[in-house]
Amino acid sequence: MSDLIAVAYDDVTTANTVRDKLFELQKQNLIKLADAAVAERTKDGKIKLHQSTSTTGIGAMGGALWGGLIGLIFFMPLIGMAVGAATGAAAGAMTDVGVDDKFMKQVGEELKPGSAALFVLVTQSTPDKVIPQISSYGGKIIHTSLSKQAEENLRQALAGAPH
């Protein structure tokens, strides 16, 4: 089971820094993320989503591979790759994995201009080793699916950060 955590930050730079730190901790096997994305409310009030993975790019690569293989069967690998890449990119663009884009935009609407929210979908973690690594960045919890006790522990750790 995954836990969704959304934390608001005063600026997009801090949100991206925390996201990058979580990716670093994932390489150390201290946390496993199914998804991590940043929703930024620009100064002019628009919502920009910064996804960690591009399903369009993944779809295009997979489509090109399969298209190339099918093209080899019919002795037209380049045409097969081109058609496969286009089809894969289109399918990837329509696929939404991880944190729901609509939900992130909805939460982003509630942010003040110039601020951002980090959304992480955590499948596994070692909180006693992860929280101290990110608590110095502060932030305000705006949504979680954590237990009440785990959410309160995270809230206290983030509140104790220097601002």
Protein backbone atom coordinates (compact mmCIF):
# COMPACT_ATOMS: atom_id res chain seq x y z
CA MET A 1 0.00 0.00 0.00
CA SER A 2 1.20 3.50 -0.82
CA ASP A 3 0.96 6.67 1.24
CA LEU A 4 0.33 10.02 -0.41
CA ILE A 5 2.00 13.03 1.19
CA ALA A 6 1.65 16.62 -0.06
CA VAL A 7 3.81 19.35 1.49
CA ALA A 8 3.63 23.06 0.63
CA TYR A 9 6.79 25.15 0.31
CA ASP A 10 7.29 28.89 -0.10
CA ASP A 11 9.01 28.42 -3.47
CA VAL A 12 9.46 25.87 -6.24
CA THR A 13 13.24 25.69 -5.67
CA THR A 14 12.76 24.27 -2.17
CA ALA A 15 10.13 21.79 -3.35
CA ASN A 16 12.47 20.57 -6.13
CA THR A 17 15.39 20.35 -3.69
CA VAL A 18 13.37 18.16 -1.31
CA ARG A 19 12.20 15.99 -4.23
CA ASP A 20 15.81 15.55 -5.37
CA LYS A 21 16.85 14.71 -1.80
CA LEU A 22 14.15 12.02 -1.67
CA PHE A 23 15.46 10.56 -4.95
CA GLU A 24 18.93 10.49 -3.38
CA LEU A 25 17.54 8.69 -0.31
CA GLN A 26 15.78 6.24 -2.63
CA LYS A 27 19.18 5.31 -4.11
CA GLN A 28 20.25 4.49 -0.54
CA ASN A 29 17.15 2.25 -0.14
CA LEU A 30 15.80 4.39 2.71
CA ILE A 31 12.58 5.17 0.85
CA LYS A 32 10.74 3.82 -2.18
CA LEU A 33 8.72 6.27 -4.23
CA ALA A 34 6.05 5.27 -6.71
CA ASP A 35 5.83 8.91 -7.85
CA ALA A 36 7.06 12.39 -6.95
CA ALA A 37 5.82 15.59 -8.55
CA VAL A 38 5.85 19.31 -7.85
CA ALA A 39 2.87 21.59 -8.47
CA GLU A 40 3.94 25.21 -8.81
CA ARG A 41 1.63 28.20 -8.65
CA THR A 42 3.39 30.81 -10.74
CA LYS A 43 3.40 34.52 -9.90
CA ASP A 44 0.65 35.04 -12.50
CA GLY A 45 -1.51 32.37 -10.79
CA LYS A 46 -1.10 29.53 -13.31
CA ILE A 47 -0.49 25.96 -12.13
CA LYS A 48 2.53 24.12 -13.59
CA LEU A 49 3.14 20.44 -12.88
CA HIS A 50 6.70 19.13 -12.81
CA GLN A 51 6.46 15.34 -13.16
CA SER A 52 9.35 13.07 -12.29
CA THR A 53 8.66 10.62 -15.13
CA SER A 54 7.43 11.23 -18.64
CA THR A 55 4.92 8.59 -19.71
CA THR A 56 5.05 10.07 -23.23
CA GLY A 57 8.79 9.39 -23.52
CA ILE A 58 8.47 5.90 -22.04
CA GLY A 59 5.58 5.12 -24.40
CA ALA A 60 7.55 6.37 -27.41
CA MET A 61 10.57 4.22 -26.54
CA GLY A 62 8.43 1.11 -26.00
CA GLY A 63 6.46 1.80 -29.18
CA ALA A 64 9.63 2.26 -31.22
CA LEU A 65 11.00 -1.03 -29.93
CA TRP A 66 7.84 -2.99 -30.70
CA GLY A 67 7.33 -1.15 -34.01
CA GLY A 68 10.89 -1.97 -35.03
CA LEU A 69 10.44 -5.64 -34.21
CA ILE A 70 7.16 -5.84 -36.09
CA GLY A 71 8.72 -3.85 -38.96
CA LEU A 72 11.51 -6.44 -39.19
CA ILE A 73 8.93 -9.12 -39.81
CA PHE A 74 7.57 -7.17 -42.77
CA PHE A 75 11.04 -5.96 -43.88
CA MET A 76 10.28 -2.29 -43.03
CA PRO A 77 11.91 -1.71 -39.63
CA LEU A 78 12.29 2.10 -39.96
CA ILE A 79 8.64 2.63 -40.86
CA GLY A 80 7.64 0.21 -38.09
CA MET A 81 9.77 2.12 -35.58
CA ALA A 82 8.31 5.48 -36.61
CA VAL A 83 4.71 4.26 -36.42
CA GLY A 84 5.41 2.43 -33.15
CA ALA A 85 7.04 5.49 -31.57
CA ALA A 86 4.13 7.74 -32.55
CA THR A 87 1.58 5.25 -31.25
CA GLY A 88 3.54 4.68 -28.03
CA ALA A 89 3.93 8.41 -27.42
CA ALA A 90 0.20 8.96 -27.88
CA ALA A 91 -0.65 6.11 -25.52
CA GLY A 92 1.90 7.36 -22.98
CA ALA A 93 0.51 10.90 -23.08
CA MET A 94 -2.95 9.56 -22.23
CA THR A 95 -1.65 7.43 -19.34
CA ASP A 96 -1.65 8.95 -15.87
CA VAL A 97 0.33 6.97 -13.33
CA GLY A 98 1.12 7.88 -9.74
CA VAL A 99 -0.40 10.98 -8.20
CA ASP A 100 -3.51 12.16 -10.08
CA ASP A 101 -2.83 15.31 -12.14
CA LYS A 102 -6.32 16.66 -11.50
CA PHE A 103 -5.80 16.35 -7.73
CA MET A 104 -2.42 18.11 -7.92
CA LYS A 105 -3.90 20.98 -9.92
CA GLN A 106 -6.79 21.25 -7.47
CA VAL A 107 -4.39 21.49 -4.52
CA GLY A 108 -2.17 23.86 -6.52
CA GLU A 109 -5.10 26.28 -6.88
CA GLU A 110 -5.05 26.72 -3.10
CA LEU A 111 -1.37 27.71 -3.01
CA LYS A 112 -0.35 31.34 -2.91
CA PRO A 113 1.36 32.65 -6.07
CA GLY A 114 5.09 31.86 -6.16
CA SER A 115 4.78 28.82 -3.90
CA ALA A 116 4.79 25.10 -4.67
CA ALA A 117 3.69 21.74 -3.30
CA LEU A 118 5.62 18.48 -3.39
CA PHE A 119 3.51 15.35 -3.87
CA VAL A 120 5.10 11.99 -3.08
CA LEU A 121 3.61 8.54 -3.30
CA VAL A 122 5.63 6.46 -0.84
CA THR A 123 5.48 2.68 -1.04
CA GLN A 124 8.05 1.98 1.67
CA SER A 125 10.24 4.06 3.97
CA THR A 126 12.42 4.19 7.05
CA PRO A 127 10.95 7.36 8.63
CA ASP A 128 13.54 7.66 11.42
CA LYS A 129 16.25 7.99 8.74
CA VAL A 130 14.31 9.93 6.07
CA ILE A 131 12.57 12.63 8.14
CA PRO A 132 15.78 14.08 9.65
CA GLN A 133 17.18 14.42 6.10
CA ILE A 134 14.27 16.55 4.87
CA SER A 135 13.01 18.30 8.01
CA SER A 136 15.52 21.15 7.71
CA TYR A 137 13.67 22.35 4.58
CA GLY A 138 10.48 22.97 6.56
CA GLY A 139 7.20 22.95 4.71
CA LYS A 140 3.57 22.66 5.67
CA ILE A 141 1.66 19.40 5.32
CA ILE A 142 -1.44 19.98 3.23
CA HIS A 143 -2.56 16.37 2.65
CA THR A 144 -1.56 12.85 3.70
CA SER A 145 -2.96 9.37 3.80
CA LEU A 146 -0.71 8.55 6.76
CA SER A 147 -2.01 7.39 10.13
CA LYS A 148 -2.80 10.21 12.55
CA GLN A 149 0.32 9.45 14.61
CA ALA A 150 2.66 9.26 11.61
CA GLU A 151 1.21 12.50 10.20
CA GLU A 152 1.66 14.27 13.54
CA ASN A 153 5.28 13.07 13.80
CA LEU A 154 5.99 14.43 10.30
CA ARG A 155 4.15 17.68 11.05
CA GLN A 156 6.25 18.23 14.20
CA ALA A 157 9.51 17.45 12.39
CA LEU A 158 8.73 19.94 9.62
CA ALA A 159 7.54 22.60 12.07
CA GLY A 160 10.84 22.45 13.95
CA ALA A 161 12.82 23.46 10.87
CA PRO A 162 14.45 26.89 10.73
CA HIS A 163 12.54 29.21 8.36
